[in-house]
All heavy atoms as atom14 arrays in JSON, in Angstrom:
{
  "sequence": "FNDKSTNMIKEHKYILEVSTHQMIILMFFN",
  "atom14_mask": [
    [1, 1, 1, 1, 1, 1, 1, 1, 1, 1, 1, 0, 0, 0],
    [1, 1, 1, 1, 1, 1, 1, 1, 0, 0, 0, 0, 0, 0],
    [1, 1, 1, 1, 1, 1, 1, 1, 0, 0, 0, 0, 0, 0],
    [1, 1, 1, 1, 1, 1, 1, 1, 1, 0, 0, 0, 0, 0],
    [1, 1, 1, 1, 1, 1, 0, 0, 0, 0, 0, 0, 0, 0],
    [1, 1, 1, 1, 1, 1, 1, 0, 0, 0, 0, 0, 0, 0],
    [1, 1, 1, 1, 1, 1, 1, 1, 0, 0, 0, 0, 0, 0],
    [1, 1, 1, 1, 1, 1, 1, 1, 0, 0, 0, 0, 0, 0],
    [1, 1, 1, 1, 1, 1, 1, 1, 0, 0, 0, 0, 0, 0],
    [1, 1, 1, 1, 1, 1, 1, 1, 1, 0, 0, 0, 0, 0],
    [1, 1, 1, 1, 1, 1, 1, 1, 1, 0, 0, 0, 0, 0],
    [1, 1, 1, 1, 1, 1, 1, 1, 1, 1, 0, 0, 0, 0],
    [1, 1, 1, 1, 1, 1, 1, 1, 1, 0, 0, 0, 0, 0],
    [1, 1, 1, 1, 1, 1, 1, 1, 1, 1, 1, 1, 0, 0],
    [1, 1, 1, 1, 1, 1, 1, 1, 0, 0, 0, 0, 0, 0],
    [1, 1, 1, 1, 1, 1, 1, 1, 0, 0, 0, 0, 0, 0],
    [1, 1, 1, 1, 1, 1, 1, 1, 1, 0, 0, 0, 0, 0],
    [1, 1, 1, 1, 1, 1, 1, 0, 0, 0, 0, 0, 0, 0],
    [1, 1, 1, 1, 1, 1, 0, 0, 0, 0, 0, 0, 0, 0],
    [1, 1, 1, 1, 1, 1, 1, 0, 0, 0, 0, 0, 0, 0],
    [1, 1, 1, 1, 1, 1, 1, 1, 1, 1, 0, 0, 0, 0],
    [1, 1, 1, 1, 1, 1, 1, 1, 1, 0, 0, 0, 0, 0],
    [1, 1, 1, 1, 1, 1, 1, 1, 0, 0, 0, 0, 0, 0],
    [1, 1, 1, 1, 1, 1, 1, 1, 0, 0, 0, 0, 0, 0],
    [1, 1, 1, 1, 1, 1, 1, 1, 0, 0, 0, 0, 0, 0],
    [1, 1, 1, 1, 1, 1, 1, 1, 0, 0, 0, 0, 0, 0],
    [1, 1, 1, 1, 1, 1, 1, 1, 0, 0, 0, 0, 0, 0],
    [1, 1, 1, 1, 1, 1, 1, 1, 1, 1, 1, 0, 0, 0],
    [1, 1, 1, 1, 1, 1, 1, 1, 1, 1, 1, 0, 0, 0],
    [1, 1, 1, 1, 1, 1, 1, 1, 0, 0, 0, 0, 0, 0]
  ],
  "atom14_positions": [
    [[42.7, 23.88, 41.56], [42.1, 24.77, 42.54], [40.79, 24.18, 43.02], [40.0, 23.64, 42.24], [41.84, 26.16, 41.93], [43.09, 26.85, 41.46], [43.51, 26.72, 40.13], [43.84, 27.61, 42.32], [44.66, 27.36, 39.69], [44.98, 28.25, 41.89], [45.39, 28.13, 40.58], [0.0, 0.0, 0.0], [0.0, 0.0, 0.0], [0.0, 0.0, 0.0]],
    [[40.56, 24.3, 44.32], [39.34, 23.77, 44.92], [38.29, 24.87, 45.05], [38.55, 25.92, 45.62], [39.63, 23.17, 46.29], [40.49, 21.93, 46.2], [40.35, 21.15, 45.27], [41.4, 21.75, 47.14], [0.0, 0.0, 0.0], [0.0, 0.0, 0.0], [0.0, 0.0, 0.0], [0.0, 0.0, 0.0], [0.0, 0.0, 0.0], [0.0, 0.0, 0.0]],
    [[37.12, 24.61, 44.51], [36.0, 25.53, 44.62], [35.2, 25.18, 45.86], [34.55, 24.14, 45.93], [35.12, 25.43, 43.37], [33.97, 26.43, 43.4], [33.88, 27.19, 44.38], [33.17, 26.44, 42.45], [0.0, 0.0, 0.0], [0.0, 0.0, 0.0], [0.0, 0.0, 0.0], [0.0, 0.0, 0.0], [0.0, 0.0, 0.0], [0.0, 0.0, 0.0]],
    [[35.26, 26.06, 46.89], [34.6, 25.8, 48.17], [33.33, 26.64, 48.34], [32.85, 26.86, 49.44], [35.56, 26.07, 49.32], [36.81, 25.19, 49.29], [37.73, 25.5, 50.45], [39.0, 24.65, 50.41], [39.91, 24.96, 51.55], [0.0, 0.0, 0.0], [0.0, 0.0, 0.0], [0.0, 0.0, 0.0], [0.0, 0.0, 0.0], [0.0, 0.0, 0.0]],
    [[32.81, 27.13, 47.22], [31.64, 27.99, 47.3], [30.38, 27.23, 47.66], [29.39, 27.8, 48.1], [31.43, 28.72, 45.97], [31.29, 27.78, 44.91], [0.0, 0.0, 0.0], [0.0, 0.0, 0.0], [0.0, 0.0, 0.0], [0.0, 0.0, 0.0], [0.0, 0.0, 0.0], [0.0, 0.0, 0.0], [0.0, 0.0, 0.0], [0.0, 0.0, 0.0]],
    [[30.39, 25.92, 47.46], [29.23, 25.09, 47.81], [29.65, 24.07, 48.86], [30.81, 24.0, 49.25], [28.69, 24.38, 46.56], [29.72, 23.52, 46.04], [28.29, 25.38, 45.48], [0.0, 0.0, 0.0], [0.0, 0.0, 0.0], [0.0, 0.0, 0.0], [0.0, 0.0, 0.0], [0.0, 0.0, 0.0], [0.0, 0.0, 0.0], [0.0, 0.0, 0.0]],
    [[28.71, 23.29, 49.3], [29.02, 22.27, 50.3], [29.94, 21.18, 49.75], [30.68, 20.55, 50.48], [27.73, 21.63, 50.82], [26.9, 22.62, 51.63], [27.44, 23.52, 52.26], [25.58, 22.46, 51.61], [0.0, 0.0, 0.0], [0.0, 0.0, 0.0], [0.0, 0.0, 0.0], [0.0, 0.0, 0.0], [0.0, 0.0, 0.0], [0.0, 0.0, 0.0]],
    [[29.87, 20.97, 48.44], [30.71, 19.96, 47.8], [31.94, 20.64, 47.19], [31.81, 21.64, 46.48], [29.94, 19.22, 46.71], [28.76, 18.41, 47.22], [27.93, 17.5, 45.9], [29.26, 16.44, 45.36], [0.0, 0.0, 0.0], [0.0, 0.0, 0.0], [0.0, 0.0, 0.0], [0.0, 0.0, 0.0], [0.0, 0.0, 0.0], [0.0, 0.0, 0.0]],
    [[33.11, 20.09, 47.51], [34.35, 20.65, 46.99], [34.54, 20.18, 45.55], [34.52, 18.99, 45.26], [35.56, 20.24, 47.85], [35.42, 20.78, 49.27], [36.86, 20.73, 47.22], [36.54, 20.36, 50.19], [0.0, 0.0, 0.0], [0.0, 0.0, 0.0], [0.0, 0.0, 0.0], [0.0, 0.0, 0.0], [0.0, 0.0, 0.0], [0.0, 0.0, 0.0]],
    [[34.7, 21.14, 44.64], [34.87, 20.83, 43.22], [36.23, 21.3, 42.76], [36.63, 22.42, 43.02], [33.76, 21.5, 42.4], [33.79, 21.15, 40.93], [32.66, 21.83, 40.19], [32.69, 21.47, 38.7], [31.59, 22.14, 37.96], [0.0, 0.0, 0.0], [0.0, 0.0, 0.0], [0.0, 0.0, 0.0], [0.0, 0.0, 0.0], [0.0, 0.0, 0.0]],
    [[36.93, 20.42, 42.07], [38.26, 20.75, 41.6], [38.21, 21.38, 40.21], [37.46, 20.93, 39.34], [39.15, 19.5, 41.56], [39.53, 18.97, 42.92], [40.54, 17.83, 42.82], [40.74, 17.33, 41.69], [41.12, 17.45, 43.84], [0.0, 0.0, 0.0], [0.0, 0.0, 0.0], [0.0, 0.0, 0.0], [0.0, 0.0, 0.0], [0.0, 0.0, 0.0]],
    [[39.03, 22.42, 40.03], [39.19, 23.05, 38.72], [40.65, 22.9, 38.31], [41.55, 23.3, 39.05], [38.8, 24.52, 38.77], [37.36, 24.76, 39.11], [36.36, 24.71, 38.17], [36.75, 25.01, 40.29], [35.19, 24.95, 38.74], [35.41, 25.13, 40.04], [0.0, 0.0, 0.0], [0.0, 0.0, 0.0], [0.0, 0.0, 0.0], [0.0, 0.0, 0.0]],
    [[40.87, 22.32, 37.16], [42.23, 22.06, 36.71], [42.6, 23.01, 35.57], [41.83, 23.21, 34.62], [42.36, 20.62, 36.23], [43.78, 20.21, 35.83], [43.84, 18.76, 35.37], [43.56, 17.81, 36.52], [43.76, 16.39, 36.1], [0.0, 0.0, 0.0], [0.0, 0.0, 0.0], [0.0, 0.0, 0.0], [0.0, 0.0, 0.0], [0.0, 0.0, 0.0]],
    [[43.81, 23.6, 35.67], [44.3, 24.53, 34.66], [45.73, 24.17, 34.31], [46.48, 23.64, 35.13], [44.25, 25.98, 35.15], [42.89, 26.45, 35.57], [42.46, 26.3, 36.89], [42.03, 27.04, 34.65], [41.2, 26.73, 37.29], [40.77, 27.48, 35.04], [40.36, 27.32, 36.35], [39.12, 27.74, 36.73], [0.0, 0.0, 0.0], [0.0, 0.0, 0.0]],
    [[46.12, 24.46, 33.09], [47.51, 24.3, 32.65], [48.13, 25.69, 32.53], [47.66, 26.53, 31.77], [47.61, 23.55, 31.31], [47.06, 22.13, 31.46], [49.06, 23.51, 30.83], [47.09, 21.33, 30.17], [0.0, 0.0, 0.0], [0.0, 0.0, 0.0], [0.0, 0.0, 0.0], [0.0, 0.0, 0.0], [0.0, 0.0, 0.0], [0.0, 0.0, 0.0]],
    [[49.19, 25.93, 33.3], [49.86, 27.23, 33.33], [51.2, 27.14, 32.59], [52.02, 26.26, 32.89], [50.11, 27.68, 34.77], [48.91, 27.66, 35.72], [49.35, 28.1, 37.1], [47.79, 28.54, 35.21], [0.0, 0.0, 0.0], [0.0, 0.0, 0.0], [0.0, 0.0, 0.0], [0.0, 0.0, 0.0], [0.0, 0.0, 0.0], [0.0, 0.0, 0.0]],
    [[51.41, 28.02, 31.64], [52.69, 28.1, 30.95], [53.49, 29.25, 31.56], [53.12, 30.41, 31.43], [52.5, 28.34, 29.45], [53.79, 28.3, 28.67], [53.6, 28.38, 27.17], [52.48, 28.09, 26.7], [54.57, 28.75, 26.47], [0.0, 0.0, 0.0], [0.0, 0.0, 0.0], [0.0, 0.0, 0.0], [0.0, 0.0, 0.0], [0.0, 0.0, 0.0]],
    [[54.58, 28.91, 32.25], [55.32, 29.89, 33.04], [56.81, 29.77, 32.76], [57.27, 28.81, 32.13], [55.05, 29.69, 34.55], [53.58, 29.91, 34.87], [55.47, 28.27, 34.99], [0.0, 0.0, 0.0], [0.0, 0.0, 0.0], [0.0, 0.0, 0.0], [0.0, 0.0, 0.0], [0.0, 0.0, 0.0], [0.0, 0.0, 0.0], [0.0, 0.0, 0.0]],
    [[57.57, 30.75, 33.26], [59.02, 30.67, 33.17], [59.55, 29.73, 34.26], [58.82, 29.35, 35.18], [59.63, 32.07, 33.33], [59.45, 32.52, 34.67], [0.0, 0.0, 0.0], [0.0, 0.0, 0.0], [0.0, 0.0, 0.0], [0.0, 0.0, 0.0], [0.0, 0.0, 0.0], [0.0, 0.0, 0.0], [0.0, 0.0, 0.0], [0.0, 0.0, 0.0]],
    [[60.82, 29.39, 34.16], [61.43, 28.5, 35.17], [61.37, 29.14, 36.56], [61.06, 28.47, 37.54], [62.89, 28.19, 34.81], [62.93, 27.56, 33.53], [63.53, 27.26, 35.84], [0.0, 0.0, 0.0], [0.0, 0.0, 0.0], [0.0, 0.0, 0.0], [0.0, 0.0, 0.0], [0.0, 0.0, 0.0], [0.0, 0.0, 0.0], [0.0, 0.0, 0.0]],
    [[61.66, 30.43, 36.64], [61.63, 31.11, 37.94], [60.2, 31.15, 38.51], [60.0, 30.98, 39.71], [62.19, 32.53, 37.81], [63.64, 32.55, 37.45], [64.25, 33.64, 36.87], [64.6, 31.6, 37.57], [65.53, 33.36, 36.67], [65.76, 32.14, 37.08], [0.0, 0.0, 0.0], [0.0, 0.0, 0.0], [0.0, 0.0, 0.0], [0.0, 0.0, 0.0]],
    [[59.22, 31.38, 37.65], [57.83, 31.35, 38.12], [57.44, 29.96, 38.59], [56.72, 29.8, 39.59], [56.9, 31.81, 36.99], [57.02, 33.29, 36.67], [56.28, 33.67, 35.4], [56.11, 32.86, 34.49], [55.82, 34.91, 35.33], [0.0, 0.0, 0.0], [0.0, 0.0, 0.0], [0.0, 0.0, 0.0], [0.0, 0.0, 0.0], [0.0, 0.0, 0.0]],
    [[57.91, 28.93, 37.9], [57.65, 27.56, 38.3], [58.19, 27.28, 39.69], [57.51, 26.66, 40.54], [58.28, 26.59, 37.3], [58.18, 25.12, 37.71], [59.38, 24.07, 36.85], [60.94, 24.63, 37.58], [0.0, 0.0, 0.0], [0.0, 0.0, 0.0], [0.0, 0.0, 0.0], [0.0, 0.0, 0.0], [0.0, 0.0, 0.0], [0.0, 0.0, 0.0]],
    [[59.42, 27.73, 39.95], [60.04, 27.5, 41.26], [59.2, 28.13, 42.37], [58.94, 27.51, 43.41], [61.48, 28.06, 41.28], [62.36, 27.29, 40.3], [62.07, 27.99, 42.68], [63.74, 27.91, 40.1], [0.0, 0.0, 0.0], [0.0, 0.0, 0.0], [0.0, 0.0, 0.0], [0.0, 0.0, 0.0], [0.0, 0.0, 0.0], [0.0, 0.0, 0.0]],
    [[58.76, 29.37, 42.15], [57.96, 30.06, 43.16], [56.62, 29.36, 43.38], [56.21, 29.1, 44.51], [57.73, 31.53, 42.74], [59.05, 32.28, 42.74], [56.73, 32.21, 43.68], [58.95, 33.7, 42.22], [0.0, 0.0, 0.0], [0.0, 0.0, 0.0], [0.0, 0.0, 0.0], [0.0, 0.0, 0.0], [0.0, 0.0, 0.0], [0.0, 0.0, 0.0]],
    [[55.94, 29.01, 42.29], [54.61, 28.4, 42.41], [54.68, 27.03, 43.08], [53.79, 26.67, 43.86], [53.97, 28.26, 41.03], [53.53, 29.58, 40.37], [53.07, 29.33, 38.94], [52.4, 30.22, 41.17], [0.0, 0.0, 0.0], [0.0, 0.0, 0.0], [0.0, 0.0, 0.0], [0.0, 0.0, 0.0], [0.0, 0.0, 0.0], [0.0, 0.0, 0.0]],
    [[55.73, 26.27, 42.82], [55.83, 24.92, 43.4], [56.13, 24.95, 44.89], [55.96, 23.94, 45.58], [56.86, 24.08, 42.64], [56.4, 23.71, 41.24], [57.49, 22.54, 40.37], [57.24, 21.04, 41.34], [0.0, 0.0, 0.0], [0.0, 0.0, 0.0], [0.0, 0.0, 0.0], [0.0, 0.0, 0.0], [0.0, 0.0, 0.0], [0.0, 0.0, 0.0]],
    [[56.6, 26.1, 45.4], [56.73, 26.23, 46.85], [55.38, 26.0, 47.53], [55.3, 25.43, 48.63], [57.24, 27.63, 47.23], [58.73, 27.8, 47.1], [59.26, 28.96, 46.56], [59.6, 26.82, 47.53], [60.63, 29.14, 46.45], [60.97, 26.98, 47.44], [61.48, 28.14, 46.89], [0.0, 0.0, 0.0], [0.0, 0.0, 0.0], [0.0, 0.0, 0.0]],
    [[54.31, 26.46, 46.88], [52.99, 26.43, 47.5], [52.33, 25.06, 47.41], [51.16, 24.91, 47.78], [52.1, 27.5, 46.88], [52.57, 28.9, 47.15], [53.36, 29.56, 46.24], [52.25, 29.53, 48.35], [53.83, 30.86, 46.5], [52.71, 30.82, 48.62], [53.5, 31.48, 47.69], [0.0, 0.0, 0.0], [0.0, 0.0, 0.0], [0.0, 0.0, 0.0]],
    [[53.05, 24.05, 46.95], [52.54, 22.68, 47.0], [52.51, 22.15, 48.43], [51.73, 21.26, 48.76], [53.4, 21.75, 46.14], [53.05, 21.82, 44.68], [51.95, 22.25, 44.32], [53.96, 21.39, 43.81], [0.0, 0.0, 0.0], [0.0, 0.0, 0.0], [0.0, 0.0, 0.0], [0.0, 0.0, 0.0], [0.0, 0.0, 0.0], [0.0, 0.0, 0.0]]
  ]
}
């Protein structure tokens, strides 16, 4: 996720443990 609250864009990385169906939905937004 990109933090756009400041002038410099900062990336925040997270590991999500999800079901297969949740994975399919989330990967659409790539």
